[in-house]
């Protein structure tokens, strides 16, 4: 069960938030434009990072660029 220890796992890479213009979801409350986040896990469509709330969140890759 990988989700139980995501927060302690090694970081694969860093990504930078480039926008929070979400069409369907509210992400401006948990992502900061220009801030770098450590990727804890990744799927085909999502990056899983620790967001501004301090919790793990899955976000579309379109909000980020690789550093």
PDB file of N, CA and C in Angstrom:
ATOM      1  N   UNK A   1       0.831  -1.183   0.000  1.00  0.00           N
ATOM      2  CA  UNK A   1       0.000   0.000   0.000  1.00  0.00           C
ATOM      3  C   UNK A   1       0.875   1.246   0.000  1.00  0.00           C
ATOM      4  N   UNK A   2       1.247   1.669  -1.179  1.00  0.00           N
ATOM      5  CA  UNK A   2       2.183   2.778  -1.349  1.00  0.00           C
ATOM      6  C   UNK A   2       1.652   4.095  -0.779  1.00  0.00           C
ATOM      7  N   UNK A   3       0.350   4.282  -0.784  1.00  0.00           N
ATOM      8  CA  UNK A   3      -0.219   5.553  -0.327  1.00  0.00           C
ATOM      9  C   UNK A   3      -0.014   5.796   1.169  1.00  0.00           C
ATOM     10  N   UNK A   4       0.303   4.776   1.937  1.00  0.00           N
ATOM     11  CA  UNK A   4       0.465   4.948   3.371  1.00  0.00           C
ATOM     12  C   UNK A   4       1.798   5.582   3.744  1.00  0.00           C
ATOM     13  N   UNK A   5       2.787   5.529   2.874  1.00  0.00           N
ATOM     14  CA  UNK A   5       4.081   6.120   3.205  1.00  0.00           C
ATOM     15  C   UNK A   5       4.580   7.080   2.123  1.00  0.00           C
ATOM     16  N   UNK A   6       3.681   7.672   1.344  1.00  0.00           N
ATOM     17  CA  UNK A   6       4.063   8.623   0.302  1.00  0.00           C
ATOM     18  C   UNK A   6       4.806   9.820   0.861  1.00  0.00           C
ATOM     19  N   UNK A   7       4.367  10.332   1.982  1.00  0.00           N
ATOM     20  CA  UNK A   7       4.966  11.561   2.510  1.00  0.00           C
ATOM     21  C   UNK A   7       6.414  11.359   2.916  1.00  0.00           C
ATOM     22  N   UNK A   8       6.807  10.141   3.262  1.00  0.00           N
ATOM     23  CA  UNK A   8       8.181   9.868   3.658  1.00  0.00           C
ATOM     24  C   UNK A   8       9.035   9.352   2.505  1.00  0.00           C
ATOM     25  N   UNK A   9       8.435   9.081   1.359  1.00  0.00           N
ATOM     26  CA  UNK A   9       9.187   8.485   0.254  1.00  0.00           C
ATOM     27  C   UNK A   9      10.168   9.471  -0.364  1.00  0.00           C
ATOM     28  N   UNK A  10      11.172   8.929  -1.056  1.00  0.00           N
ATOM     29  CA  UNK A  10      12.168   9.758  -1.721  1.00  0.00           C
ATOM     30  C   UNK A  10      11.503  10.537  -2.852  1.00  0.00           C
ATOM     31  N   UNK A  11      12.082  11.672  -3.139  1.00  0.00           N
ATOM     32  CA  UNK A  11      11.546  12.527  -4.187  1.00  0.00           C
ATOM     33  C   UNK A  11      12.149  12.131  -5.519  1.00  0.00           C
ATOM     34  N   UNK A  12      11.288  11.947  -6.524  1.00  0.00           N
ATOM     35  CA  UNK A  12      11.767  11.588  -7.837  1.00  0.00           C
ATOM     36  C   UNK A  12      12.281  12.788  -8.605  1.00  0.00           C
ATOM     37  N   UNK A  13      11.586  13.896  -8.527  1.00  0.00           N
ATOM     38  CA  UNK A  13      11.977  15.105  -9.237  1.00  0.00           C
ATOM     39  C   UNK A  13      11.236  16.291  -8.643  1.00  0.00           C
ATOM     40  N   UNK A  14      11.612  17.483  -9.097  1.00  0.00           N
ATOM     41  CA  UNK A  14      10.941  18.702  -8.659  1.00  0.00           C
ATOM     42  C   UNK A  14      10.175  19.292  -9.824  1.00  0.00           C
ATOM     43  N   UNK A  15       9.041  19.882  -9.503  1.00  0.00           N
ATOM     44  CA  UNK A  15       8.218  20.544 -10.499  1.00  0.00           C
ATOM     45  C   UNK A  15       7.847  21.925  -9.985  1.00  0.00           C
ATOM     46  N   UNK A  16       7.512  22.810 -10.900  1.00  0.00           N
ATOM     47  CA  UNK A  16       7.173  24.184 -10.545  1.00  0.00           C
ATOM     48  C   UNK A  16       5.758  24.459 -11.013  1.00  0.00           C
ATOM     49  N   UNK A  17       4.949  25.041 -10.167  1.00  0.00           N
ATOM     50  CA  UNK A  17       3.574  25.390 -10.511  1.00  0.00           C
ATOM     51  C   UNK A  17       3.594  26.607 -11.440  1.00  0.00           C
ATOM     52  N   UNK A  18       2.975  26.475 -12.611  1.00  0.00           N
ATOM     53  CA  UNK A  18       2.976  27.567 -13.575  1.00  0.00           C
ATOM     54  C   UNK A  18       1.633  28.286 -13.673  1.00  0.00           C
ATOM     55  N   UNK A  19       0.553  27.634 -13.263  1.00  0.00           N
ATOM     56  CA  UNK A  19      -0.750  28.300 -13.225  1.00  0.00           C
ATOM     57  C   UNK A  19      -1.725  27.521 -12.361  1.00  0.00           C
ATOM     58  N   UNK A  20      -2.795  28.178 -11.974  1.00  0.00           N
ATOM     59  CA  UNK A  20      -3.843  27.537 -11.185  1.00  0.00           C
ATOM     60  C   UNK A  20      -5.208  27.780 -11.828  1.00  0.00           C
ATOM     61  N   UNK A  21      -5.226  27.918 -13.135  1.00  0.00           N
ATOM     62  CA  UNK A  21      -6.468  28.172 -13.870  1.00  0.00           C
ATOM     63  C   UNK A  21      -7.202  26.860 -14.127  1.00  0.00           C
ATOM     64  N   UNK A  22      -7.862  26.374 -13.118  1.00  0.00           N
ATOM     65  CA  UNK A  22      -8.573  25.108 -13.225  1.00  0.00           C
ATOM     66  C   UNK A  22      -9.959  25.332 -13.812  1.00  0.00           C
ATOM     67  N   UNK A  23     -10.356  24.437 -14.699  1.00  0.00           N
ATOM     68  CA  UNK A  23     -11.681  24.536 -15.313  1.00  0.00           C
ATOM     69  C   UNK A  23     -12.763  23.962 -14.414  1.00  0.00           C
ATOM     70  N   UNK A  24     -12.401  22.929 -13.666  1.00  0.00           N
ATOM     71  CA  UNK A  24     -13.416  22.207 -12.906  1.00  0.00           C
ATOM     72  C   UNK A  24     -13.197  22.256 -11.395  1.00  0.00           C
ATOM     73  N   UNK A  25     -11.935  22.293 -10.961  1.00  0.00           N
ATOM     74  CA  UNK A  25     -11.630  22.193  -9.537  1.00  0.00           C
ATOM     75  C   UNK A  25     -10.984  23.473  -9.024  1.00  0.00           C
ATOM     76  N   UNK A  26     -11.063  23.707  -7.734  1.00  0.00           N
ATOM     77  CA  UNK A  26     -10.415  24.851  -7.109  1.00  0.00           C
ATOM     78  C   UNK A  26      -9.041  24.426  -6.621  1.00  0.00           C
ATOM     79  N   UNK A  27      -8.003  24.943  -7.256  1.00  0.00           N
ATOM     80  CA  UNK A  27      -6.648  24.571  -6.856  1.00  0.00           C
ATOM     81  C   UNK A  27      -5.841  25.763  -6.356  1.00  0.00           C
ATOM     82  N   UNK A  28      -6.331  26.979  -6.547  1.00  0.00           N
ATOM     83  CA  UNK A  28      -5.559  28.146  -6.105  1.00  0.00           C
ATOM     84  C   UNK A  28      -5.429  28.229  -4.592  1.00  0.00           C
ATOM     85  N   UNK A  29      -6.231  27.502  -3.856  1.00  0.00           N
ATOM     86  CA  UNK A  29      -6.128  27.492  -2.393  1.00  0.00           C
ATOM     87  C   UNK A  29      -5.020  26.556  -1.891  1.00  0.00           C
ATOM     88  N   UNK A  30      -4.582  25.624  -2.729  1.00  0.00           N
ATOM     89  CA  UNK A  30      -3.599  24.636  -2.283  1.00  0.00           C
ATOM     90  C   UNK A  30      -2.314  24.616  -3.106  1.00  0.00           C
ATOM     91  N   UNK A  31      -2.260  25.370  -4.204  1.00  0.00           N
ATOM     92  CA  UNK A  31      -1.043  25.487  -5.002  1.00  0.00           C
ATOM     93  C   UNK A  31      -0.659  26.956  -5.117  1.00  0.00           C
ATOM     94  N   UNK A  32       0.638  27.234  -5.150  1.00  0.00           N
ATOM     95  CA  UNK A  32       1.149  28.594  -5.278  1.00  0.00           C
ATOM     96  C   UNK A  32       1.928  28.693  -6.585  1.00  0.00           C
ATOM     97  N   UNK A  33       1.554  29.647  -7.416  1.00  0.00           N
ATOM     98  CA  UNK A  33       2.243  29.839  -8.688  1.00  0.00           C
ATOM     99  C   UNK A  33       3.692  30.231  -8.420  1.00  0.00           C
ATOM    100  N   UNK A  34       4.617  29.574  -9.110  1.00  0.00           N
ATOM    101  CA  UNK A  34       6.039  29.847  -8.961  1.00  0.00           C
ATOM    102  C   UNK A  34       6.739  29.005  -7.916  1.00  0.00           C
ATOM    103  N   UNK A  35       5.994  28.320  -7.073  1.00  0.00           N
ATOM    104  CA  UNK A  35       6.600  27.491  -6.033  1.00  0.00           C
ATOM    105  C   UNK A  35       6.984  26.130  -6.594  1.00  0.00           C
ATOM    106  N   UNK A  36       8.108  25.607  -6.120  1.00  0.00           N
ATOM    107  CA  UNK A  36       8.559  24.277  -6.519  1.00  0.00           C
ATOM    108  C   UNK A  36       8.050  23.240  -5.524  1.00  0.00           C
ATOM    109  N   UNK A  37       7.597  22.120  -6.059  1.00  0.00           N
ATOM    110  CA  UNK A  37       7.084  21.015  -5.247  1.00  0.00           C
ATOM    111  C   UNK A  37       7.881  19.761  -5.569  1.00  0.00           C
ATOM    112  N   UNK A  38       8.032  18.896  -4.588  1.00  0.00           N
ATOM    113  CA  UNK A  38       8.704  17.623  -4.777  1.00  0.00           C
ATOM    114  C   UNK A  38       7.660  16.574  -5.148  1.00  0.00           C
ATOM    115  N   UNK A  39       7.906  15.859  -6.226  1.00  0.00           N
ATOM    116  CA  UNK A  39       6.981  14.834  -6.698  1.00  0.00           C
ATOM    117  C   UNK A  39       7.175  13.576  -5.854  1.00  0.00           C
ATOM    118  N   UNK A  40       6.128  13.160  -5.182  1.00  0.00           N
ATOM    119  CA  UNK A  40       6.178  11.955  -4.357  1.00  0.00           C
ATOM    120  C   UNK A  40       5.753  10.720  -5.142  1.00  0.00           C
ATOM    121  N   UNK A  41       4.873  10.916  -6.116  1.00  0.00           N
ATOM    122  CA  UNK A  41       4.453   9.831  -7.002  1.00  0.00           C
ATOM    123  C   UNK A  41       3.890  10.474  -8.255  1.00  0.00           C
ATOM    124  N   UNK A  42       3.785   9.667  -9.297  1.00  0.00           N
ATOM    125  CA  UNK A  42       3.344  10.194 -10.580  1.00  0.00           C
ATOM    126  C   UNK A  42       2.556   9.126 -11.321  1.00  0.00           C
ATOM    127  N   UNK A  43       1.496   9.546 -11.992  1.00  0.00           N
ATOM    128  CA  UNK A  43       0.758   8.643 -12.862  1.00  0.00           C
ATOM    129  C   UNK A  43       0.753   9.258 -14.263  1.00  0.00           C
ATOM    130  N   UNK A  44       0.007   8.686 -15.154  1.00  0.00           N
ATOM    131  CA  UNK A  44      -0.021   9.183 -16.523  1.00  0.00           C
ATOM    132  C   UNK A  44      -0.554  10.612 -16.601  1.00  0.00           C
ATOM    133  N   UNK A  45      -1.530  10.956 -15.779  1.00  0.00           N
ATOM    134  CA  UNK A  45      -2.170  12.272 -15.841  1.00  0.00           C
ATOM    135  C   UNK A  45      -1.895  13.166 -14.643  1.00  0.00           C
ATOM    136  N   UNK A  46      -1.396  12.625 -13.543  1.00  0.00           N
ATOM    137  CA  UNK A  46      -1.298  13.377 -12.298  1.00  0.00           C
ATOM    138  C   UNK A  46       0.114  13.361 -11.702  1.00  0.00           C
ATOM    139  N   UNK A  47       0.411  14.447 -10.982  1.00  0.00           N
ATOM    140  CA  UNK A  47       1.546  14.482 -10.064  1.00  0.00           C
ATOM    141  C   UNK A  47       0.969  14.453  -8.664  1.00  0.00           C
ATOM    142  N   UNK A  48       1.588  13.722  -7.761  1.00  0.00           N
ATOM    143  CA  UNK A  48       1.181  13.680  -6.367  1.00  0.00           C
ATOM    144  C   UNK A  48       2.238  14.412  -5.553  1.00  0.00           C
ATOM    145  N   UNK A  49       1.842  15.515  -4.930  1.00  0.00           N
ATOM    146  CA  UNK A  49       2.756  16.372  -4.182  1.00  0.00           C
ATOM    147  C   UNK A  49       2.128  16.722  -2.836  1.00  0.00           C
ATOM    148  N   UNK A  50       2.957  17.210  -1.936  1.00  0.00           N
ATOM    149  CA  UNK A  50       2.441  17.745  -0.678  1.00  0.00           C
ATOM    150  C   UNK A  50       2.124  19.211  -0.940  1.00  0.00           C
ATOM    151  N   UNK A  51       0.856  19.552  -0.842  1.00  0.00           N
ATOM    152  CA  UNK A  51       0.405  20.893  -1.205  1.00  0.00           C
ATOM    153  C   UNK A  51       0.482  21.856  -0.026  1.00  0.00           C
ATOM    154  N   UNK A  52      -0.069  23.046  -0.201  1.00  0.00           N
ATOM    155  CA  UNK A  52      -0.006  24.093   0.829  1.00  0.00           C
ATOM    156  C   UNK A  52      -0.765  23.733   2.106  1.00  0.00           C
ATOM    157  N   UNK A  53      -1.679  22.796   2.035  1.00  0.00           N
ATOM    158  CA  UNK A  53      -2.401  22.368   3.232  1.00  0.00           C
ATOM    159  C   UNK A  53      -1.580  21.386   4.059  1.00  0.00           C
ATOM    160  N   UNK A  54      -0.435  20.937   3.513  1.00  0.00           N
ATOM    161  CA  UNK A  54       0.404  19.975   4.212  1.00  0.00           C
ATOM    162  C   UNK A  54       0.006  18.535   3.969  1.00  0.00           C
ATOM    163  N   UNK A  55      -0.963  18.329   3.088  1.00  0.00           N
ATOM    164  CA  UNK A  55      -1.444  16.986   2.790  1.00  0.00           C
ATOM    165  C   UNK A  55      -1.067  16.598   1.365  1.00  0.00           C
ATOM    166  N   UNK A  56      -1.079  15.310   1.118  1.00  0.00           N
ATOM    167  CA  UNK A  56      -0.785  14.804  -0.214  1.00  0.00           C
ATOM    168  C   UNK A  56      -1.975  15.080  -1.120  1.00  0.00           C
ATOM    169  N   UNK A  57      -1.684  15.598  -2.311  1.00  0.00           N
ATOM    170  CA  UNK A  57      -2.740  15.869  -3.272  1.00  0.00           C
ATOM    171  C   UNK A  57      -2.298  15.452  -4.661  1.00  0.00           C
ATOM    172  N   UNK A  58      -3.251  15.027  -5.460  1.00  0.00           N
ATOM    173  CA  UNK A  58      -2.985  14.670  -6.848  1.00  0.00           C
ATOM    174  C   UNK A  58      -3.509  15.777  -7.744  1.00  0.00           C
ATOM    175  N   UNK A  59      -2.648  16.284  -8.616  1.00  0.00           N
ATOM    176  CA  UNK A  59      -3.005  17.409  -9.476  1.00  0.00           C
ATOM    177  C   UNK A  59      -2.646  17.090 -10.918  1.00  0.00           C
ATOM    178  N   UNK A  60      -3.462  17.587 -11.845  1.00  0.00           N
ATOM    179  CA  UNK A  60      -3.174  17.401 -13.262  1.00  0.00           C
ATOM    180  C   UNK A  60      -1.788  17.944 -13.586  1.00  0.00           C
ATOM    181  N   UNK A  61      -1.101  17.293 -14.490  1.00  0.00           N
ATOM    182  CA  UNK A  61       0.232  17.702 -14.878  1.00  0.00           C
ATOM    183  C   UNK A  61       0.252  19.051 -15.573  1.00  0.00           C
ATOM    184  N   UNK A  62      -0.886  19.493 -16.092  1.00  0.00           N
ATOM    185  CA  UNK A  62      -0.942  20.759 -16.825  1.00  0.00           C
ATOM    186  C   UNK A  62      -0.648  21.978 -15.952  1.00  0.00           C
ATOM    187  N   UNK A  63      -0.727  21.843 -14.635  1.00  0.00           N
ATOM    188  CA  UNK A  63      -0.442  22.962 -13.731  1.00  0.00           C
ATOM    189  C   UNK A  63       1.050  23.159 -13.491  1.00  0.00           C
ATOM    190  N   UNK A  64       1.885  22.250 -13.957  1.00  0.00           N
ATOM    191  CA  UNK A  64       3.296  22.240 -13.599  1.00  0.00           C
ATOM    192  C   UNK A  64       4.220  22.170 -14.811  1.00  0.00           C
ATOM    193  N   UNK A  65       5.475  22.508 -14.571  1.00  0.00           N
ATOM    194  CA  UNK A  65       6.551  22.239 -15.522  1.00  0.00           C
ATOM    195  C   UNK A  65       7.703  21.660 -14.728  1.00  0.00           C
ATOM    196  N   UNK A  66       8.487  20.801 -15.371  1.00  0.00           N
ATOM    197  CA  UNK A  66       9.612  20.176 -14.677  1.00  0.00           C
ATOM    198  C   UNK A  66      10.743  21.178 -14.510  1.00  0.00           C
ATOM    199  N   UNK A  67      11.430  21.082 -13.374  1.00  0.00           N
ATOM    200  CA  UNK A  67      12.542  21.985 -13.079  1.00  0.00           C
ATOM    201  C   UNK A  67      13.836  21.311 -13.472  1.00  0.00           C
TER     202      UNK A  67
END
